[in-house]
PDB file of N, CA and C in Angstrom:
ATOM      1  N   MET A   1     -18.066   2.485  10.546  1.00  0.00           N
ATOM      2  CA  MET A   1     -17.342   2.168   9.322  1.00  0.00           C
ATOM      3  C   MET A   1     -15.917   2.665   9.457  1.00  0.00           C
ATOM      4  N   GLY A   2     -14.952   1.812   9.174  1.00  0.00           N
ATOM      5  CA  GLY A   2     -13.546   2.179   9.258  1.00  0.00           C
ATOM      6  C   GLY A   2     -13.052   2.825   7.979  1.00  0.00           C
ATOM      7  N   LEU A   3     -11.817   3.240   8.001  1.00  0.00           N
ATOM      8  CA  LEU A   3     -11.192   3.862   6.838  1.00  0.00           C
ATOM      9  C   LEU A   3     -10.707   2.806   5.855  1.00  0.00           C
ATOM     10  N   ASN A   4     -10.812   3.134   4.580  1.00  0.00           N
ATOM     11  CA  ASN A   4     -10.262   2.311   3.509  1.00  0.00           C
ATOM     12  C   ASN A   4      -9.090   3.062   2.909  1.00  0.00           C
ATOM     13  N   ALA A   5      -8.007   2.349   2.676  1.00  0.00           N
ATOM     14  CA  ALA A   5      -6.804   2.974   2.133  1.00  0.00           C
ATOM     15  C   ALA A   5      -6.507   2.429   0.746  1.00  0.00           C
ATOM     16  N   LEU A   6      -6.115   3.314  -0.126  1.00  0.00           N
ATOM     17  CA  LEU A   6      -5.660   2.966  -1.467  1.00  0.00           C
ATOM     18  C   LEU A   6      -4.333   3.672  -1.678  1.00  0.00           C
ATOM     19  N   ILE A   7      -3.315   2.923  -2.058  1.00  0.00           N
ATOM     20  CA  ILE A   7      -2.034   3.542  -2.374  1.00  0.00           C
ATOM     21  C   ILE A   7      -1.557   3.044  -3.727  1.00  0.00           C
ATOM     22  N   SER A   8      -1.002   3.943  -4.470  1.00  0.00           N
ATOM     23  CA  SER A   8      -0.387   3.625  -5.753  1.00  0.00           C
ATOM     24  C   SER A   8       1.105   3.836  -5.583  1.00  0.00           C
ATOM     25  N   ILE A   9       1.869   2.801  -5.902  1.00  0.00           N
ATOM     26  CA  ILE A   9       3.312   2.834  -5.665  1.00  0.00           C
ATOM     27  C   ILE A   9       4.071   2.628  -6.965  1.00  0.00           C
ATOM     28  N   ASP A  10       5.010   3.507  -7.228  1.00  0.00           N
ATOM     29  CA  ASP A  10       5.931   3.334  -8.347  1.00  0.00           C
ATOM     30  C   ASP A  10       7.252   2.868  -7.754  1.00  0.00           C
ATOM     31  N   LEU A  11       7.634   1.646  -8.061  1.00  0.00           N
ATOM     32  CA  LEU A  11       8.864   1.094  -7.505  1.00  0.00           C
ATOM     33  C   LEU A  11      10.103   1.558  -8.257  1.00  0.00           C
ATOM     34  N   MET A  12       9.905   2.484  -9.159  1.00  0.00           N
ATOM     35  CA  MET A  12      10.973   3.152  -9.891  1.00  0.00           C
ATOM     36  C   MET A  12      11.842   2.142 -10.629  1.00  0.00           C
ATOM     37  N   ASN A  13      13.143   2.327 -10.601  1.00  0.00           N
ATOM     38  CA  ASN A  13      14.071   1.491 -11.359  1.00  0.00           C
ATOM     39  C   ASN A  13      14.791   0.490 -10.466  1.00  0.00           C
ATOM     40  N   ASN A  14      14.075  -0.104  -9.535  1.00  0.00           N
ATOM     41  CA  ASN A  14      14.673  -1.078  -8.628  1.00  0.00           C
ATOM     42  C   ASN A  14      14.778  -2.441  -9.301  1.00  0.00           C
ATOM     43  N   GLU A  15      15.659  -3.276  -8.763  1.00  0.00           N
ATOM     44  CA  GLU A  15      15.846  -4.625  -9.281  1.00  0.00           C
ATOM     45  C   GLU A  15      14.562  -5.436  -9.113  1.00  0.00           C
ATOM     46  N   LYS A  16      14.277  -6.307 -10.076  1.00  0.00           N
ATOM     47  CA  LYS A  16      13.052  -7.107 -10.056  1.00  0.00           C
ATOM     48  C   LYS A  16      12.950  -7.944  -8.784  1.00  0.00           C
ATOM     49  N   LYS A  17      14.040  -8.563  -8.361  1.00  0.00           N
ATOM     50  CA  LYS A  17      14.015  -9.416  -7.164  1.00  0.00           C
ATOM     51  C   LYS A  17      13.681  -8.596  -5.915  1.00  0.00           C
ATOM     52  N   ASP A  18      14.173  -7.378  -5.836  1.00  0.00           N
ATOM     53  CA  ASP A  18      13.867  -6.507  -4.702  1.00  0.00           C
ATOM     54  C   ASP A  18      12.390  -6.103  -4.717  1.00  0.00           C
ATOM     55  N   CYS A  19      11.851  -5.851  -5.903  1.00  0.00           N
ATOM     56  CA  CYS A  19      10.428  -5.517  -6.032  1.00  0.00           C
ATOM     57  C   CYS A  19       9.565  -6.702  -5.620  1.00  0.00           C
ATOM     58  N   GLU A  20       9.972  -7.907  -5.967  1.00  0.00           N
ATOM     59  CA  GLU A  20       9.223  -9.105  -5.590  1.00  0.00           C
ATOM     60  C   GLU A  20       9.203  -9.277  -4.069  1.00  0.00           C
ATOM     61  N   ILE A  21      10.315  -8.985  -3.420  1.00  0.00           N
ATOM     62  CA  ILE A  21      10.368  -9.046  -1.951  1.00  0.00           C
ATOM     63  C   ILE A  21       9.436  -8.005  -1.365  1.00  0.00           C
ATOM     64  N   PHE A  22       9.431  -6.807  -1.935  1.00  0.00           N
ATOM     65  CA  PHE A  22       8.540  -5.746  -1.464  1.00  0.00           C
ATOM     66  C   PHE A  22       7.088  -6.200  -1.530  1.00  0.00           C
ATOM     67  N   VAL A  23       6.687  -6.819  -2.635  1.00  0.00           N
ATOM     68  CA  VAL A  23       5.316  -7.304  -2.802  1.00  0.00           C
ATOM     69  C   VAL A  23       4.985  -8.341  -1.726  1.00  0.00           C
ATOM     70  N   GLU A  24       5.887  -9.272  -1.486  1.00  0.00           N
ATOM     71  CA  GLU A  24       5.674 -10.294  -0.447  1.00  0.00           C
ATOM     72  C   GLU A  24       5.497  -9.654   0.925  1.00  0.00           C
ATOM     73  N   GLU A  25       6.323  -8.673   1.226  1.00  0.00           N
ATOM     74  CA  GLU A  25       6.248  -8.008   2.526  1.00  0.00           C
ATOM     75  C   GLU A  25       4.937  -7.240   2.680  1.00  0.00           C
ATOM     76  N   MET A  26       4.476  -6.595   1.619  1.00  0.00           N
ATOM     77  CA  MET A  26       3.197  -5.879   1.683  1.00  0.00           C
ATOM     78  C   MET A  26       2.055  -6.857   1.937  1.00  0.00           C
ATOM     79  N   GLU A  27       2.080  -7.987   1.259  1.00  0.00           N
ATOM     80  CA  GLU A  27       1.042  -8.996   1.454  1.00  0.00           C
ATOM     81  C   GLU A  27       1.076  -9.530   2.882  1.00  0.00           C
ATOM     82  N   ASN A  28       2.259  -9.681   3.462  1.00  0.00           N
ATOM     83  CA  ASN A  28       2.381 -10.118   4.852  1.00  0.00           C
ATOM     84  C   ASN A  28       1.764  -9.115   5.816  1.00  0.00           C
ATOM     85  N   LYS A  29       1.710  -7.853   5.417  1.00  0.00           N
ATOM     86  CA  LYS A  29       1.141  -6.799   6.265  1.00  0.00           C
ATOM     87  C   LYS A  29      -0.343  -6.573   5.954  1.00  0.00           C
ATOM     88  N   GLU A  30      -0.956  -7.520   5.260  1.00  0.00           N
ATOM     89  CA  GLU A  30      -2.381  -7.520   4.950  1.00  0.00           C
ATOM     90  C   GLU A  30      -2.810  -6.446   3.959  1.00  0.00           C
ATOM     91  N   TRP A  31      -1.898  -6.060   3.063  1.00  0.00           N
ATOM     92  CA  TRP A  31      -2.246  -5.217   1.933  1.00  0.00           C
ATOM     93  C   TRP A  31      -2.585  -6.143   0.774  1.00  0.00           C
ATOM     94  N   SER A  32      -3.538  -5.737  -0.051  1.00  0.00           N
ATOM     95  CA  SER A  32      -3.930  -6.511  -1.223  1.00  0.00           C
ATOM     96  C   SER A  32      -3.560  -5.739  -2.479  1.00  0.00           C
ATOM     97  N   LEU A  33      -2.867  -6.403  -3.384  1.00  0.00           N
ATOM     98  CA  LEU A  33      -2.481  -5.798  -4.658  1.00  0.00           C
ATOM     99  C   LEU A  33      -3.642  -5.953  -5.624  1.00  0.00           C
ATOM    100  N   LEU A  34      -4.123  -4.841  -6.163  1.00  0.00           N
ATOM    101  CA  LEU A  34      -5.205  -4.903  -7.139  1.00  0.00           C
ATOM    102  C   LEU A  34      -4.672  -5.452  -8.451  1.00  0.00           C
ATOM    103  N   LYS A  35      -5.327  -6.433  -8.984  1.00  0.00           N
ATOM    104  CA  LYS A  35      -4.920  -6.998 -10.277  1.00  0.00           C
ATOM    105  C   LYS A  35      -5.377  -6.097 -11.423  1.00  0.00           C
ATOM    106  N   GLU A  36      -6.458  -5.328 -11.168  1.00  0.00           N
ATOM    107  CA  GLU A  36      -7.049  -4.503 -12.213  1.00  0.00           C
ATOM    108  C   GLU A  36      -6.299  -3.193 -12.464  1.00  0.00           C
ATOM    109  N   VAL A  37      -5.517  -2.740 -11.477  1.00  0.00           N
ATOM    110  CA  VAL A  37      -4.813  -1.459 -11.598  1.00  0.00           C
ATOM    111  C   VAL A  37      -3.363  -1.677 -11.173  1.00  0.00           C
ATOM    112  N   ALA A  38      -2.438  -1.459 -12.078  1.00  0.00           N
ATOM    113  CA  ALA A  38      -1.028  -1.740 -11.830  1.00  0.00           C
ATOM    114  C   ALA A  38      -0.492  -0.991 -10.609  1.00  0.00           C
ATOM    115  N   ASN A  39       0.258  -1.710  -9.791  1.00  0.00           N
ATOM    116  CA  ASN A  39       0.986  -1.134  -8.655  1.00  0.00           C
ATOM    117  C   ASN A  39       0.097  -0.406  -7.650  1.00  0.00           C
ATOM    118  N   THR A  40      -1.115  -0.897  -7.478  1.00  0.00           N
ATOM    119  CA  THR A  40      -2.062  -0.265  -6.573  1.00  0.00           C
ATOM    120  C   THR A  40      -2.477  -1.260  -5.497  1.00  0.00           C
ATOM    121  N   TRP A  41      -2.435  -0.794  -4.264  1.00  0.00           N
ATOM    122  CA  TRP A  41      -2.695  -1.627  -3.089  1.00  0.00           C
ATOM    123  C   TRP A  41      -3.867  -1.074  -2.299  1.00  0.00           C
ATOM    124  N   VAL A  42      -4.596  -1.966  -1.622  1.00  0.00           N
ATOM    125  CA  VAL A  42      -5.699  -1.547  -0.764  1.00  0.00           C
ATOM    126  C   VAL A  42      -5.636  -2.295   0.566  1.00  0.00           C
ATOM    127  N   THR A  43      -6.174  -1.661   1.592  1.00  0.00           N
ATOM    128  CA  THR A  43      -6.379  -2.282   2.888  1.00  0.00           C
ATOM    129  C   THR A  43      -7.457  -1.484   3.607  1.00  0.00           C
ATOM    130  N   SER A  44      -7.917  -1.999   4.717  1.00  0.00           N
ATOM    131  CA  SER A  44      -8.913  -1.263   5.493  1.00  0.00           C
ATOM    132  C   SER A  44      -8.510  -1.259   6.956  1.00  0.00           C
ATOM    133  N   PHE A  45      -9.010  -0.265   7.657  1.00  0.00           N
ATOM    134  CA  PHE A  45      -8.724  -0.097   9.076  1.00  0.00           C
ATOM    135  C   PHE A  45     -10.026  -0.238   9.859  1.00  0.00           C
ATOM    136  N   ASN A  46      -9.922  -0.731  11.061  1.00  0.00           N
ATOM    137  CA  ASN A  46     -11.092  -0.903  11.913  1.00  0.00           C
ATOM    138  C   ASN A  46     -11.723   0.431  12.256  1.00  0.00           C
ATOM    139  N   GLU A  47     -12.992   0.390  12.566  1.00  0.00           N
ATOM    140  CA  GLU A  47     -13.700   1.582  13.006  1.00  0.00           C
ATOM    141  C   GLU A  47     -13.001   2.142  14.245  1.00  0.00           C
ATOM    142  N   GLY A  48     -12.878   3.430  14.311  1.00  0.00           N
ATOM    143  CA  GLY A  48     -12.237   4.079  15.450  1.00  0.00           C
ATOM    144  C   GLY A  48     -10.785   4.455  15.202  1.00  0.00           C
ATOM    145  N   VAL A  49     -10.166   3.886  14.164  1.00  0.00           N
ATOM    146  CA  VAL A  49      -8.793   4.262  13.829  1.00  0.00           C
ATOM    147  C   VAL A  49      -8.840   5.640  13.173  1.00  0.00           C
ATOM    148  N   THR A  50      -8.098   6.578  13.729  1.00  0.00           N
ATOM    149  CA  THR A  50      -8.092   7.945  13.192  1.00  0.00           C
ATOM    150  C   THR A  50      -7.302   8.008  11.896  1.00  0.00           C
ATOM    151  N   ARG A  51      -7.554   9.063  11.144  1.00  0.00           N
ATOM    152  CA  ARG A  51      -6.818   9.295   9.894  1.00  0.00           C
ATOM    153  C   ARG A  51      -5.317   9.387  10.176  1.00  0.00           C
ATOM    154  N   GLU A  52      -4.956  10.101  11.240  1.00  0.00           N
ATOM    155  CA  GLU A  52      -3.544  10.267  11.581  1.00  0.00           C
ATOM    156  C   GLU A  52      -2.894   8.922  11.901  1.00  0.00           C
ATOM    157  N   LYS A  53      -3.600   8.079  12.666  1.00  0.00           N
ATOM    158  CA  LYS A  53      -3.063   6.756  13.007  1.00  0.00           C
ATOM    159  C   LYS A  53      -2.946   5.890  11.753  1.00  0.00           C
ATOM    160  N   ALA A  54      -3.946   5.936  10.885  1.00  0.00           N
ATOM    161  CA  ALA A  54      -3.895   5.161   9.644  1.00  0.00           C
ATOM    162  C   ALA A  54      -2.708   5.589   8.787  1.00  0.00           C
ATOM    163  N   LEU A  55      -2.482   6.887   8.671  1.00  0.00           N
ATOM    164  CA  LEU A  55      -1.340   7.386   7.892  1.00  0.00           C
ATOM    165  C   LEU A  55      -0.020   6.937   8.510  1.00  0.00           C
ATOM    166  N   GLN A  56       0.032   6.912   9.835  1.00  0.00           N
ATOM    167  CA  GLN A  56       1.238   6.453  10.521  1.00  0.00           C
ATOM    168  C   GLN A  56       1.477   4.962  10.228  1.00  0.00           C
ATOM    169  N   VAL A  57       0.430   4.166  10.282  1.00  0.00           N
ATOM    170  CA  VAL A  57       0.557   2.736   9.978  1.00  0.00           C
ATOM    171  C   VAL A  57       1.013   2.538   8.533  1.00  0.00           C
ATOM    172  N   ILE A  58       0.411   3.283   7.612  1.00  0.00           N
ATOM    173  CA  ILE A  58       0.803   3.178   6.198  1.00  0.00           C
ATOM    174  C   ILE A  58       2.274   3.521   6.030  1.00  0.00           C
ATOM    175  N   GLN A  59       2.708   4.622   6.643  1.00  0.00           N
ATOM    176  CA  GLN A  59       4.110   5.027   6.530  1.00  0.00           C
ATOM    177  C   GLN A  59       5.030   3.958   7.116  1.00  0.00           C
ATOM    178  N   ASN A  60       4.671   3.417   8.266  1.00  0.00           N
ATOM    179  CA  ASN A  60       5.490   2.362   8.879  1.00  0.00           C
ATOM    180  C   ASN A  60       5.543   1.117   8.001  1.00  0.00           C
ATOM    181  N   ASP A  61       4.387   0.697   7.476  1.00  0.00           N
ATOM    182  CA  ASP A  61       4.349  -0.477   6.603  1.00  0.00           C
ATOM    183  C   ASP A  61       5.246  -0.287   5.388  1.00  0.00           C
ATOM    184  N   ILE A  62       5.112   0.848   4.736  1.00  0.00           N
ATOM    185  CA  ILE A  62       5.913   1.116   3.531  1.00  0.00           C
ATOM    186  C   ILE A  62       7.397   1.150   3.869  1.00  0.00           C
ATOM    187  N   ASN A  63       7.763   1.853   4.935  1.00  0.00           N
ATOM    188  CA  ASN A  63       9.181   1.942   5.305  1.00  0.00           C
ATOM    189  C   ASN A  63       9.767   0.581   5.667  1.00  0.00           C
ATOM    190  N   GLU A  64       9.006  -0.248   6.391  1.00  0.00           N
ATOM    191  CA  GLU A  64       9.497  -1.582   6.749  1.00  0.00           C
ATOM    192  C   GLU A  64       9.652  -2.463   5.513  1.00  0.00           C
ATOM    193  N   CYS A  65       8.667  -2.433   4.628  1.00  0.00           N
ATOM    194  CA  CYS A  65       8.745  -3.240   3.403  1.00  0.00           C
ATOM    195  C   CYS A  65       9.886  -2.759   2.508  1.00  0.00           C
ATOM    196  N   LYS A  66      10.054  -1.460   2.435  1.00  0.00           N
ATOM    197  CA  LYS A  66      11.142  -0.895   1.615  1.00  0.00           C
ATOM    198  C   LYS A  66      12.497  -1.317   2.170  1.00  0.00           C
ATOM    199  N   ALA A  67      12.659  -1.277   3.479  1.00  0.00           N
ATOM    200  CA  ALA A  67      13.927  -1.653   4.101  1.00  0.00           C
ATOM    201  C   ALA A  67      14.214  -3.146   3.909  1.00  0.00           C
ATOM    202  N   LYS A  68      13.201  -3.999   4.122  1.00  0.00           N
ATOM    203  CA  LYS A  68      13.405  -5.448   3.988  1.00  0.00           C
ATOM    204  C   LYS A  68      13.716  -5.851   2.561  1.00  0.00           C
ATOM    205  N   SER A  69      13.181  -5.125   1.608  1.00  0.00           N
ATOM    206  CA  SER A  69      13.409  -5.466   0.204  1.00  0.00           C
ATOM    207  C   SER A  69      14.609  -4.738  -0.381  1.00  0.00           C
ATOM    208  N   GLN A  70      15.176  -3.835   0.376  1.00  0.00           N
ATOM    209  CA  GLN A  70      16.354  -3.068  -0.019  1.00  0.00           C
ATOM    210  C   GLN A  70      16.112  -2.235  -1.274  1.00  0.00           C
ATOM    211  N   LEU A  71      14.885  -1.717  -1.412  1.00  0.00           N
ATOM    212  CA  LEU A  71      14.605  -0.843  -2.539  1.00  0.00           C
ATOM    213  C   LEU A  71      15.334   0.473  -2.340  1.00  0.00           C
ATOM    214  N   ASP A  72      15.777   1.039  -3.435  1.00  0.00           N
ATOM    215  CA  ASP A  72      16.508   2.303  -3.378  1.00  0.00           C
ATOM    216  C   ASP A  72      15.557   3.479  -3.223  1.00  0.00           C
ATOM    217  N   LYS A  73      14.580   3.577  -4.116  1.00  0.00           N
ATOM    218  CA  LYS A  73      13.692   4.726  -4.123  1.00  0.00           C
ATOM    219  C   LYS A  73      12.325   4.297  -4.636  1.00  0.00           C
ATOM    220  N   ILE A  74      11.266   4.835  -4.019  1.00  0.00           N
ATOM    221  CA  ILE A  74       9.917   4.605  -4.501  1.00  0.00           C
ATOM    222  C   ILE A  74       9.147   5.914  -4.468  1.00  0.00           C
ATOM    223  N   SER A  75       8.046   5.946  -5.162  1.00  0.00           N
ATOM    224  CA  SER A  75       7.154   7.097  -5.152  1.00  0.00           C
ATOM    225  C   SER A  75       5.746   6.564  -4.923  1.00  0.00           C
ATOM    226  N   LEU A  76       4.930   7.297  -4.143  1.00  0.00           N
ATOM    227  CA  LEU A  76       3.584   6.788  -3.887  1.00  0.00           C
ATOM    228  C   LEU A  76       2.587   7.903  -3.666  1.00  0.00           C
ATOM    229  N   ALA A  77       1.313   7.529  -3.836  1.00  0.00           N
ATOM    230  CA  ALA A  77       0.190   8.402  -3.530  1.00  0.00           C
ATOM    231  C   ALA A  77      -0.749   7.613  -2.627  1.00  0.00           C
ATOM    232  N   VAL A  78      -1.355   8.290  -1.646  1.00  0.00           N
ATOM    233  CA  VAL A  78      -2.225   7.647  -0.657  1.00  0.00           C
ATOM    234  C   VAL A  78      -3.587   8.339  -0.653  1.00  0.00           C
ATOM    235  N   GLN A  79      -4.645   7.533  -0.586  1.00  0.00           N
ATOM    236  CA  GLN A  79      -5.997   8.053  -0.413  1.00  0.00           C
ATOM    237  C   GLN A  79      -6.671   7.287   0.719  1.00  0.00           C
ATOM    238  N   LEU A  80      -7.234   8.000   1.677  1.00  0.00           N
ATOM    239  CA  LEU A  80      -7.986   7.404   2.783  1.00  0.00           C
ATOM    240  C   LEU A  80      -9.409   7.946   2.759  1.00  0.00           C
ATOM    241  N   ALA A  81     -10.381   7.041   2.898  1.00  0.00           N
ATOM    242  CA  ALA A  81     -11.781   7.461   2.932  1.00  0.00           C
ATOM    243  C   ALA A  81     -12.614   6.401   3.625  1.00  0.00           C
ATOM    244  N   GLU A  82     -13.757   6.804   4.154  1.00  0.00           N
ATOM    245  CA  GLU A  82     -14.681   5.845   4.738  1.00  0.00           C
ATOM    246  C   GLU A  82     -15.459   5.094   3.666  1.00  0.00           C
ATOM    247  N   GLU A  83     -15.596   5.695   2.499  1.00  0.00           N
ATOM    248  CA  GLU A  83     -16.337   5.069   1.412  1.00  0.00           C
ATOM    249  C   GLU A  83     -15.550   3.894   0.846  1.00  0.00           C
ATOM    250  N   ASP A  84     -16.283   2.939   0.266  1.00  0.00           N
ATOM    251  CA  ASP A  84     -15.651   1.811  -0.379  1.00  0.00           C
ATOM    252  C   ASP A  84     -14.810   2.272  -1.558  1.00  0.00           C
ATOM    253  N   ILE A  85     -13.751   1.556  -1.823  1.00  0.00           N
ATOM    254  CA  ILE A  85     -12.898   1.848  -2.970  1.00  0.00           C
ATOM    255  C   ILE A  85     -13.535   1.189  -4.192  1.00  0.00           C
ATOM    256  N   VAL A  86     -13.702   1.959  -5.238  1.00  0.00           N
ATOM    257  CA  VAL A  86     -14.307   1.472  -6.470  1.00  0.00           C
ATOM    258  C   VAL A  86     -13.206   1.286  -7.495  1.00  0.00           C
ATOM    259  N   PHE A  87     -13.172   0.115  -8.116  1.00  0.00           N
ATOM    260  CA  PHE A  87     -12.186  -0.155  -9.145  1.00  0.00           C
ATOM    261  C   PHE A  87     -12.748  -1.185 -10.108  1.00  0.00           C
ATOM    262  N   GLY A  88     -12.084  -1.335 -11.225  1.00  0.00           N
ATOM    263  CA  GLY A  88     -12.505  -2.295 -12.230  1.00  0.00           C
ATOM    264  C   GLY A  88     -12.406  -1.696 -13.609  1.00  0.00           C
ATOM    265  N   GLU A  89     -12.875  -2.441 -14.585  1.00  0.00           N
ATOM    266  CA  GLU A  89     -12.859  -1.953 -15.954  1.00  0.00           C
ATOM    267  C   GLU A  89     -14.141  -1.180 -16.213  1.00  0.00           C
ATOM    268  N   PHE A  90     -14.012  -0.048 -16.895  1.00  0.00           N
ATOM    269  CA  PHE A  90     -15.177   0.780 -17.213  1.00  0.00           C
ATOM    270  C   PHE A  90     -15.267   0.959 -18.701  1.00  0.00           C
TER     271      PHE A  90
END
């Protein structure tokens, strides 16, 4: 079982068009935006990918998307686990 990643991103006070580019770039990198939870993204890593490598990939993905969209500042939280990510309305 590979790692599952969940990140919550606050795009702060960036321009709407720049945020839209960021979303497109994240989707191009195979991240999925959860419709049920605002500004929250998920992806999974293949079995054998270490936590350190997954964190490196996440950091690279975020930095590349941020640069391409020309966002000024963002804030995020990351969670990695082998367990499935649970979300929805409760």
